[in-house]
Amino acid sequence: MIEKHDLHHELPEFEQAIHELKMNNAHFSRLFKEYHALDHEVRRIEQGVENTTDEYLNSNKKQRLHLKDQLLAMLMKSKNTG
């Protein structure tokens, strides 16, 4: 079974903050959309719907993790200032 890595699944404790930042922070919203699209592509590759090289898949996983780290940092900052 393929694990879900969408932010609502990964960070349920930030659900309200995710919603607020998506609505009020253009940078967060752009990163969120990029993360979601990348996560969707990785899951399609892992499910065998799309074929690619291991290097491409691993590169996308690293990029997804980097985006998640950026989004989490923004969520933590908003939680501490909110």
PDB file of N, CA and C in Angstrom:
ATOM      1  N   MET A   1       0.841  -1.197   0.000  1.00  0.00           N
ATOM      2  CA  MET A   1       0.000   0.000   0.000  1.00  0.00           C
ATOM      3  C   MET A   1       0.877   1.248   0.000  1.00  0.00           C
ATOM      4  N   ILE A   2       0.515   2.205  -0.808  1.00  0.00           N
ATOM      5  CA  ILE A   2       1.259   3.451  -0.941  1.00  0.00           C
ATOM      6  C   ILE A   2       0.828   4.408   0.170  1.00  0.00           C
ATOM      7  N   GLU A   3       1.833   4.951   0.877  1.00  0.00           N
ATOM      8  CA  GLU A   3       1.534   5.895   1.952  1.00  0.00           C
ATOM      9  C   GLU A   3       1.095   7.233   1.377  1.00  0.00           C
ATOM     10  N   LYS A   4       0.150   7.853   2.061  1.00  0.00           N
ATOM     11  CA  LYS A   4      -0.269   9.201   1.692  1.00  0.00           C
ATOM     12  C   LYS A   4       0.666  10.197   2.365  1.00  0.00           C
ATOM     13  N   HIS A   5       1.071  11.195   1.595  1.00  0.00           N
ATOM     14  CA  HIS A   5       1.957  12.222   2.140  1.00  0.00           C
ATOM     15  C   HIS A   5       1.369  13.616   2.004  1.00  0.00           C
ATOM     16  N   ASP A   6       0.055  13.712   1.708  1.00  0.00           N
ATOM     17  CA  ASP A   6      -0.534  15.042   1.628  1.00  0.00           C
ATOM     18  C   ASP A   6      -0.449  15.707   3.002  1.00  0.00           C
ATOM     19  N   LEU A   7      -0.379  17.018   3.009  1.00  0.00           N
ATOM     20  CA  LEU A   7      -0.128  17.736   4.271  1.00  0.00           C
ATOM     21  C   LEU A   7      -1.228  17.535   5.297  1.00  0.00           C
ATOM     22  N   HIS A   8      -2.462  17.428   4.854  1.00  0.00           N
ATOM     23  CA  HIS A   8      -3.547  17.230   5.818  1.00  0.00           C
ATOM     24  C   HIS A   8      -3.402  15.877   6.513  1.00  0.00           C
ATOM     25  N   HIS A   9      -2.867  14.893   5.820  1.00  0.00           N
ATOM     26  CA  HIS A   9      -2.651  13.564   6.394  1.00  0.00           C
ATOM     27  C   HIS A   9      -1.387  13.548   7.250  1.00  0.00           C
ATOM     28  N   GLU A  10      -0.354  14.224   6.773  1.00  0.00           N
ATOM     29  CA  GLU A  10       0.931  14.245   7.472  1.00  0.00           C
ATOM     30  C   GLU A  10       0.913  15.132   8.723  1.00  0.00           C
ATOM     31  N   LEU A  11       0.165  16.221   8.663  1.00  0.00           N
ATOM     32  CA  LEU A  11       0.186  17.220   9.738  1.00  0.00           C
ATOM     33  C   LEU A  11      -1.234  17.590  10.164  1.00  0.00           C
ATOM     34  N   PRO A  12      -2.000  16.627  10.675  1.00  0.00           N
ATOM     35  CA  PRO A  12      -3.401  16.930  11.006  1.00  0.00           C
ATOM     36  C   PRO A  12      -3.554  18.014  12.070  1.00  0.00           C
ATOM     37  N   GLU A  13      -2.558  18.171  12.916  1.00  0.00           N
ATOM     38  CA  GLU A  13      -2.643  19.174  13.980  1.00  0.00           C
ATOM     39  C   GLU A  13      -2.573  20.604  13.429  1.00  0.00           C
ATOM     40  N   PHE A  14      -2.174  20.750  12.151  1.00  0.00           N
ATOM     41  CA  PHE A  14      -2.061  22.065  11.529  1.00  0.00           C
ATOM     42  C   PHE A  14      -3.179  22.323  10.526  1.00  0.00           C
ATOM     43  N   GLU A  15      -4.240  21.538  10.560  1.00  0.00           N
ATOM     44  CA  GLU A  15      -5.288  21.658   9.546  1.00  0.00           C
ATOM     45  C   GLU A  15      -5.827  23.081   9.440  1.00  0.00           C
ATOM     46  N   GLN A  16      -6.140  23.704  10.563  1.00  0.00           N
ATOM     47  CA  GLN A  16      -6.668  25.081  10.544  1.00  0.00           C
ATOM     48  C   GLN A  16      -5.622  26.055  10.027  1.00  0.00           C
ATOM     49  N   ALA A  17      -4.382  25.908  10.486  1.00  0.00           N
ATOM     50  CA  ALA A  17      -3.312  26.812  10.046  1.00  0.00           C
ATOM     51  C   ALA A  17      -3.046  26.645   8.554  1.00  0.00           C
ATOM     52  N   ILE A  18      -3.097  25.413   8.038  1.00  0.00           N
ATOM     53  CA  ILE A  18      -2.912  25.173   6.603  1.00  0.00           C
ATOM     54  C   ILE A  18      -3.982  25.940   5.828  1.00  0.00           C
ATOM     55  N   HIS A  19      -5.221  25.805   6.270  1.00  0.00           N
ATOM     56  CA  HIS A  19      -6.322  26.490   5.592  1.00  0.00           C
ATOM     57  C   HIS A  19      -6.119  28.008   5.602  1.00  0.00           C
ATOM     58  N   GLU A  20      -5.777  28.549   6.761  1.00  0.00           N
ATOM     59  CA  GLU A  20      -5.607  29.999   6.880  1.00  0.00           C
ATOM     60  C   GLU A  20      -4.446  30.500   6.027  1.00  0.00           C
ATOM     61  N   LEU A  21      -3.326  29.779   6.046  1.00  0.00           N
ATOM     62  CA  LEU A  21      -2.177  30.215   5.259  1.00  0.00           C
ATOM     63  C   LEU A  21      -2.446  30.086   3.758  1.00  0.00           C
ATOM     64  N   LYS A  22      -3.158  29.036   3.362  1.00  0.00           N
ATOM     65  CA  LYS A  22      -3.499  28.890   1.943  1.00  0.00           C
ATOM     66  C   LYS A  22      -4.343  30.076   1.468  1.00  0.00           C
ATOM     67  N   MET A  23      -5.213  30.575   2.329  1.00  0.00           N
ATOM     68  CA  MET A  23      -6.105  31.666   1.955  1.00  0.00           C
ATOM     69  C   MET A  23      -5.418  33.036   2.032  1.00  0.00           C
ATOM     70  N   ASN A  24      -4.446  33.194   2.930  1.00  0.00           N
ATOM     71  CA  ASN A  24      -3.907  34.518   3.227  1.00  0.00           C
ATOM     72  C   ASN A  24      -2.434  34.727   2.903  1.00  0.00           C
ATOM     73  N   ASN A  25      -1.735  33.684   2.470  1.00  0.00           N
ATOM     74  CA  ASN A  25      -0.300  33.803   2.225  1.00  0.00           C
ATOM     75  C   ASN A  25       0.001  33.221   0.843  1.00  0.00           C
ATOM     76  N   ALA A  26       0.288  34.096  -0.115  1.00  0.00           N
ATOM     77  CA  ALA A  26       0.495  33.666  -1.498  1.00  0.00           C
ATOM     78  C   ALA A  26       1.691  32.725  -1.621  1.00  0.00           C
ATOM     79  N   HIS A  27       2.755  32.992  -0.883  1.00  0.00           N
ATOM     80  CA  HIS A  27       3.943  32.131  -0.946  1.00  0.00           C
ATOM     81  C   HIS A  27       3.611  30.736  -0.424  1.00  0.00           C
ATOM     82  N   PHE A  28       2.930  30.656   0.713  1.00  0.00           N
ATOM     83  CA  PHE A  28       2.530  29.358   1.262  1.00  0.00           C
ATOM     84  C   PHE A  28       1.616  28.635   0.273  1.00  0.00           C
ATOM     85  N   SER A  29       0.666  29.349  -0.289  1.00  0.00           N
ATOM     86  CA  SER A  29      -0.272  28.751  -1.221  1.00  0.00           C
ATOM     87  C   SER A  29       0.448  28.160  -2.429  1.00  0.00           C
ATOM     88  N   ARG A  30       1.435  28.895  -2.967  1.00  0.00           N
ATOM     89  CA  ARG A  30       2.202  28.405  -4.116  1.00  0.00           C
ATOM     90  C   ARG A  30       2.990  27.156  -3.749  1.00  0.00           C
ATOM     91  N   LEU A  31       3.665  27.175  -2.596  1.00  0.00           N
ATOM     92  CA  LEU A  31       4.424  26.005  -2.151  1.00  0.00           C
ATOM     93  C   LEU A  31       3.504  24.824  -1.882  1.00  0.00           C
ATOM     94  N   PHE A  32       2.334  25.091  -1.314  1.00  0.00           N
ATOM     95  CA  PHE A  32       1.371  24.030  -1.024  1.00  0.00           C
ATOM     96  C   PHE A  32       0.933  23.356  -2.326  1.00  0.00           C
ATOM     97  N   LYS A  33       0.615  24.160  -3.344  1.00  0.00           N
ATOM     98  CA  LYS A  33       0.194  23.609  -4.634  1.00  0.00           C
ATOM     99  C   LYS A  33       1.321  22.801  -5.273  1.00  0.00           C
ATOM    100  N   GLU A  34       2.545  23.316  -5.177  1.00  0.00           N
ATOM    101  CA  GLU A  34       3.703  22.614  -5.734  1.00  0.00           C
ATOM    102  C   GLU A  34       3.906  21.278  -5.005  1.00  0.00           C
ATOM    103  N   TYR A  35       3.790  21.307  -3.676  1.00  0.00           N
ATOM    104  CA  TYR A  35       3.933  20.088  -2.883  1.00  0.00           C
ATOM    105  C   TYR A  35       2.854  19.075  -3.277  1.00  0.00           C
ATOM    106  N   HIS A  36       1.621  19.527  -3.371  1.00  0.00           N
ATOM    107  CA  HIS A  36       0.506  18.639  -3.693  1.00  0.00           C
ATOM    108  C   HIS A  36       0.702  17.990  -5.069  1.00  0.00           C
ATOM    109  N   ALA A  37       1.106  18.792  -6.063  1.00  0.00           N
ATOM    110  CA  ALA A  37       1.325  18.262  -7.409  1.00  0.00           C
ATOM    111  C   ALA A  37       2.462  17.242  -7.414  1.00  0.00           C
ATOM    112  N   LEU A  38       3.531  17.545  -6.704  1.00  0.00           N
ATOM    113  CA  LEU A  38       4.674  16.635  -6.630  1.00  0.00           C
ATOM    114  C   LEU A  38       4.299  15.355  -5.900  1.00  0.00           C
ATOM    115  N   ASP A  39       3.556  15.473  -4.817  1.00  0.00           N
ATOM    116  CA  ASP A  39       3.113  14.293  -4.073  1.00  0.00           C
ATOM    117  C   ASP A  39       2.233  13.402  -4.957  1.00  0.00           C
ATOM    118  N   HIS A  40       1.349  14.026  -5.717  1.00  0.00           N
ATOM    119  CA  HIS A  40       0.473  13.274  -6.611  1.00  0.00           C
ATOM    120  C   HIS A  40       1.301  12.517  -7.659  1.00  0.00           C
ATOM    121  N   GLU A  41       2.301  13.182  -8.218  1.00  0.00           N
ATOM    122  CA  GLU A  41       3.150  12.530  -9.218  1.00  0.00           C
ATOM    123  C   GLU A  41       3.923  11.367  -8.610  1.00  0.00           C
ATOM    124  N   VAL A  42       4.497  11.563  -7.430  1.00  0.00           N
ATOM    125  CA  VAL A  42       5.253  10.495  -6.766  1.00  0.00           C
ATOM    126  C   VAL A  42       4.341   9.294  -6.508  1.00  0.00           C
ATOM    127  N   ARG A  43       3.131   9.551  -6.024  1.00  0.00           N
ATOM    128  CA  ARG A  43       2.207   8.438  -5.751  1.00  0.00           C
ATOM    129  C   ARG A  43       1.834   7.688  -7.024  1.00  0.00           C
ATOM    130  N   ARG A  44       1.645   8.420  -8.131  1.00  0.00           N
ATOM    131  CA  ARG A  44       1.317   7.766  -9.404  1.00  0.00           C
ATOM    132  C   ARG A  44       2.474   6.879  -9.862  1.00  0.00           C
ATOM    133  N   ILE A  45       3.694   7.348  -9.674  1.00  0.00           N
ATOM    134  CA  ILE A  45       4.872   6.554 -10.042  1.00  0.00           C
ATOM    135  C   ILE A  45       4.951   5.315  -9.150  1.00  0.00           C
ATOM    136  N   GLU A  46       4.762   5.498  -7.848  1.00  0.00           N
ATOM    137  CA  GLU A  46       4.841   4.370  -6.911  1.00  0.00           C
ATOM    138  C   GLU A  46       3.749   3.341  -7.172  1.00  0.00           C
ATOM    139  N   GLN A  47       2.609   3.777  -7.670  1.00  0.00           N
ATOM    140  CA  GLN A  47       1.502   2.864  -7.962  1.00  0.00           C
ATOM    141  C   GLN A  47       1.665   2.184  -9.317  1.00  0.00           C
ATOM    142  N   GLY A  48       2.684   2.599 -10.076  1.00  0.00           N
ATOM    143  CA  GLY A  48       2.919   1.998 -11.378  1.00  0.00           C
ATOM    144  C   GLY A  48       2.098   2.604 -12.493  1.00  0.00           C
ATOM    145  N   VAL A  49       1.391   3.695 -12.210  1.00  0.00           N
ATOM    146  CA  VAL A  49       0.583   4.362 -13.230  1.00  0.00           C
ATOM    147  C   VAL A  49       1.500   5.058 -14.240  1.00  0.00           C
ATOM    148  N   GLU A  50       2.615   5.600 -13.732  1.00  0.00           N
ATOM    149  CA  GLU A  50       3.611   6.249 -14.585  1.00  0.00           C
ATOM    150  C   GLU A  50       4.936   5.539 -14.396  1.00  0.00           C
ATOM    151  N   ASN A  51       5.677   5.400 -15.483  1.00  0.00           N
ATOM    152  CA  ASN A  51       6.995   4.775 -15.412  1.00  0.00           C
ATOM    153  C   ASN A  51       8.065   5.841 -15.540  1.00  0.00           C
ATOM    154  N   THR A  52       9.127   5.671 -14.771  1.00  0.00           N
ATOM    155  CA  THR A  52      10.229   6.620 -14.807  1.00  0.00           C
ATOM    156  C   THR A  52      11.462   5.943 -14.215  1.00  0.00           C
ATOM    157  N   THR A  53      12.547   6.674 -14.143  1.00  0.00           N
ATOM    158  CA  THR A  53      13.765   6.116 -13.557  1.00  0.00           C
ATOM    159  C   THR A  53      13.733   6.260 -12.044  1.00  0.00           C
ATOM    160  N   ASP A  54      14.499   5.427 -11.379  1.00  0.00           N
ATOM    161  CA  ASP A  54      14.622   5.526  -9.919  1.00  0.00           C
ATOM    162  C   ASP A  54      15.206   6.883  -9.525  1.00  0.00           C
ATOM    163  N   GLU A  55      16.136   7.387 -10.337  1.00  0.00           N
ATOM    164  CA  GLU A  55      16.753   8.676 -10.037  1.00  0.00           C
ATOM    165  C   GLU A  55      15.705   9.796 -10.053  1.00  0.00           C
ATOM    166  N   TYR A  56      14.810   9.746 -11.035  1.00  0.00           N
ATOM    167  CA  TYR A  56      13.755  10.757 -11.126  1.00  0.00           C
ATOM    168  C   TYR A  56      12.824  10.676  -9.925  1.00  0.00           C
ATOM    169  N   LEU A  57      12.432   9.464  -9.583  1.00  0.00           N
ATOM    170  CA  LEU A  57      11.549   9.269  -8.426  1.00  0.00           C
ATOM    171  C   LEU A  57      12.223   9.753  -7.150  1.00  0.00           C
ATOM    172  N   ASN A  58      13.476   9.373  -6.942  1.00  0.00           N
ATOM    173  CA  ASN A  58      14.184   9.792  -5.731  1.00  0.00           C
ATOM    174  C   ASN A  58      14.381  11.299  -5.685  1.00  0.00           C
ATOM    175  N   SER A  59      14.638  11.911  -6.833  1.00  0.00           N
ATOM    176  CA  SER A  59      14.778  13.363  -6.900  1.00  0.00           C
ATOM    177  C   SER A  59      13.459  14.037  -6.498  1.00  0.00           C
ATOM    178  N   ASN A  60      12.348  13.509  -7.000  1.00  0.00           N
ATOM    179  CA  ASN A  60      11.045  14.072  -6.643  1.00  0.00           C
ATOM    180  C   ASN A  60      10.735  13.886  -5.164  1.00  0.00           C
ATOM    181  N   LYS A  61      11.115  12.757  -4.612  1.00  0.00           N
ATOM    182  CA  LYS A  61      10.889  12.529  -3.173  1.00  0.00           C
ATOM    183  C   LYS A  61      11.696  13.520  -2.338  1.00  0.00           C
ATOM    184  N   LYS A  62      12.940  13.777  -2.750  1.00  0.00           N
ATOM    185  CA  LYS A  62      13.773  14.749  -2.026  1.00  0.00           C
ATOM    186  C   LYS A  62      13.178  16.146  -2.133  1.00  0.00           C
ATOM    187  N   GLN A  63      12.704  16.499  -3.329  1.00  0.00           N
ATOM    188  CA  GLN A  63      12.091  17.817  -3.521  1.00  0.00           C
ATOM    189  C   GLN A  63      10.820  17.935  -2.682  1.00  0.00           C
ATOM    190  N   ARG A  64      10.033  16.857  -2.632  1.00  0.00           N
ATOM    191  CA  ARG A  64       8.806  16.859  -1.822  1.00  0.00           C
ATOM    192  C   ARG A  64       9.150  17.072  -0.351  1.00  0.00           C
ATOM    193  N   LEU A  65      10.190  16.412   0.134  1.00  0.00           N
ATOM    194  CA  LEU A  65      10.608  16.566   1.529  1.00  0.00           C
ATOM    195  C   LEU A  65      11.078  17.994   1.796  1.00  0.00           C
ATOM    196  N   HIS A  66      11.813  18.566   0.860  1.00  0.00           N
ATOM    197  CA  HIS A  66      12.285  19.946   1.014  1.00  0.00           C
ATOM    198  C   HIS A  66      11.101  20.915   1.099  1.00  0.00           C
ATOM    199  N   LEU A  67      10.112  20.719   0.221  1.00  0.00           N
ATOM    200  CA  LEU A  67       8.917  21.562   0.262  1.00  0.00           C
ATOM    201  C   LEU A  67       8.165  21.389   1.578  1.00  0.00           C
ATOM    202  N   LYS A  68       8.061  20.145   2.032  1.00  0.00           N
ATOM    203  CA  LYS A  68       7.369  19.877   3.298  1.00  0.00           C
ATOM    204  C   LYS A  68       8.075  20.595   4.443  1.00  0.00           C
ATOM    205  N   ASP A  69       9.398  20.568   4.447  1.00  0.00           N
ATOM    206  CA  ASP A  69      10.160  21.262   5.490  1.00  0.00           C
ATOM    207  C   ASP A  69       9.876  22.759   5.469  1.00  0.00           C
ATOM    208  N   GLN A  70       9.823  23.342   4.261  1.00  0.00           N
ATOM    209  CA  GLN A  70       9.534  24.778   4.146  1.00  0.00           C
ATOM    210  C   GLN A  70       8.127  25.087   4.640  1.00  0.00           C
ATOM    211  N   LEU A  71       7.168  24.261   4.243  1.00  0.00           N
ATOM    212  CA  LEU A  71       5.783  24.477   4.658  1.00  0.00           C
ATOM    213  C   LEU A  71       5.638  24.306   6.166  1.00  0.00           C
ATOM    214  N   LEU A  72       6.298  23.305   6.725  1.00  0.00           N
ATOM    215  CA  LEU A  72       6.226  23.080   8.171  1.00  0.00           C
ATOM    216  C   LEU A  72       6.822  24.263   8.927  1.00  0.00           C
ATOM    217  N   ALA A  73       7.930  24.801   8.427  1.00  0.00           N
ATOM    218  CA  ALA A  73       8.539  25.968   9.078  1.00  0.00           C
ATOM    219  C   ALA A  73       7.567  27.145   9.081  1.00  0.00           C
ATOM    220  N   MET A  74       6.869  27.350   7.972  1.00  0.00           N
ATOM    221  CA  MET A  74       5.888  28.434   7.902  1.00  0.00           C
ATOM    222  C   MET A  74       4.714  28.175   8.839  1.00  0.00           C
ATOM    223  N   LEU A  75       4.303  26.924   8.935  1.00  0.00           N
ATOM    224  CA  LEU A  75       3.205  26.574   9.846  1.00  0.00           C
ATOM    225  C   LEU A  75       3.613  26.791  11.298  1.00  0.00           C
ATOM    226  N   MET A  76       4.829  26.395  11.635  1.00  0.00           N
ATOM    227  CA  MET A  76       5.318  26.577  13.021  1.00  0.00           C
ATOM    228  C   MET A  76       5.402  28.066  13.358  1.00  0.00           C
ATOM    229  N   LYS A  77       5.875  28.854  12.410  1.00  0.00           N
ATOM    230  CA  LYS A  77       5.982  30.295  12.632  1.00  0.00           C
ATOM    231  C   LYS A  77       4.604  30.910  12.832  1.00  0.00           C
ATOM    232  N   SER A  78       3.625  30.482  12.030  1.00  0.00           N
ATOM    233  CA  SER A  78       2.284  31.042  12.158  1.00  0.00           C
ATOM    234  C   SER A  78       1.645  30.621  13.482  1.00  0.00           C
ATOM    235  N   LYS A  79       1.963  29.418  13.922  1.00  0.00           N
ATOM    236  CA  LYS A  79       1.421  28.925  15.201  1.00  0.00           C
ATOM    237  C   LYS A  79       2.002  29.728  16.362  1.00  0.00           C
ATOM    238  N   ASN A  80       3.281  30.069  16.259  1.00  0.00           N
ATOM    239  CA  ASN A  80       3.946  30.817  17.332  1.00  0.00           C
ATOM    240  C   ASN A  80       3.563  32.289  17.342  1.00  0.00           C
ATOM    241  N   THR A  81       3.129  32.809  16.198  1.00  0.00           N
ATOM    242  CA  THR A  81       2.748  34.225  16.141  1.00  0.00           C
ATOM    243  C   THR A  81       1.239  34.404  16.210  1.00  0.00           C
ATOM    244  N   GLY A  82       0.507  33.282  16.074  1.00  0.00           N
ATOM    245  CA  GLY A  82      -0.948  33.377  16.032  1.00  0.00           C
ATOM    246  C   GLY A  82      -1.602  33.263  17.309  1.00  0.00           C
TER     247      GLY A  82
END
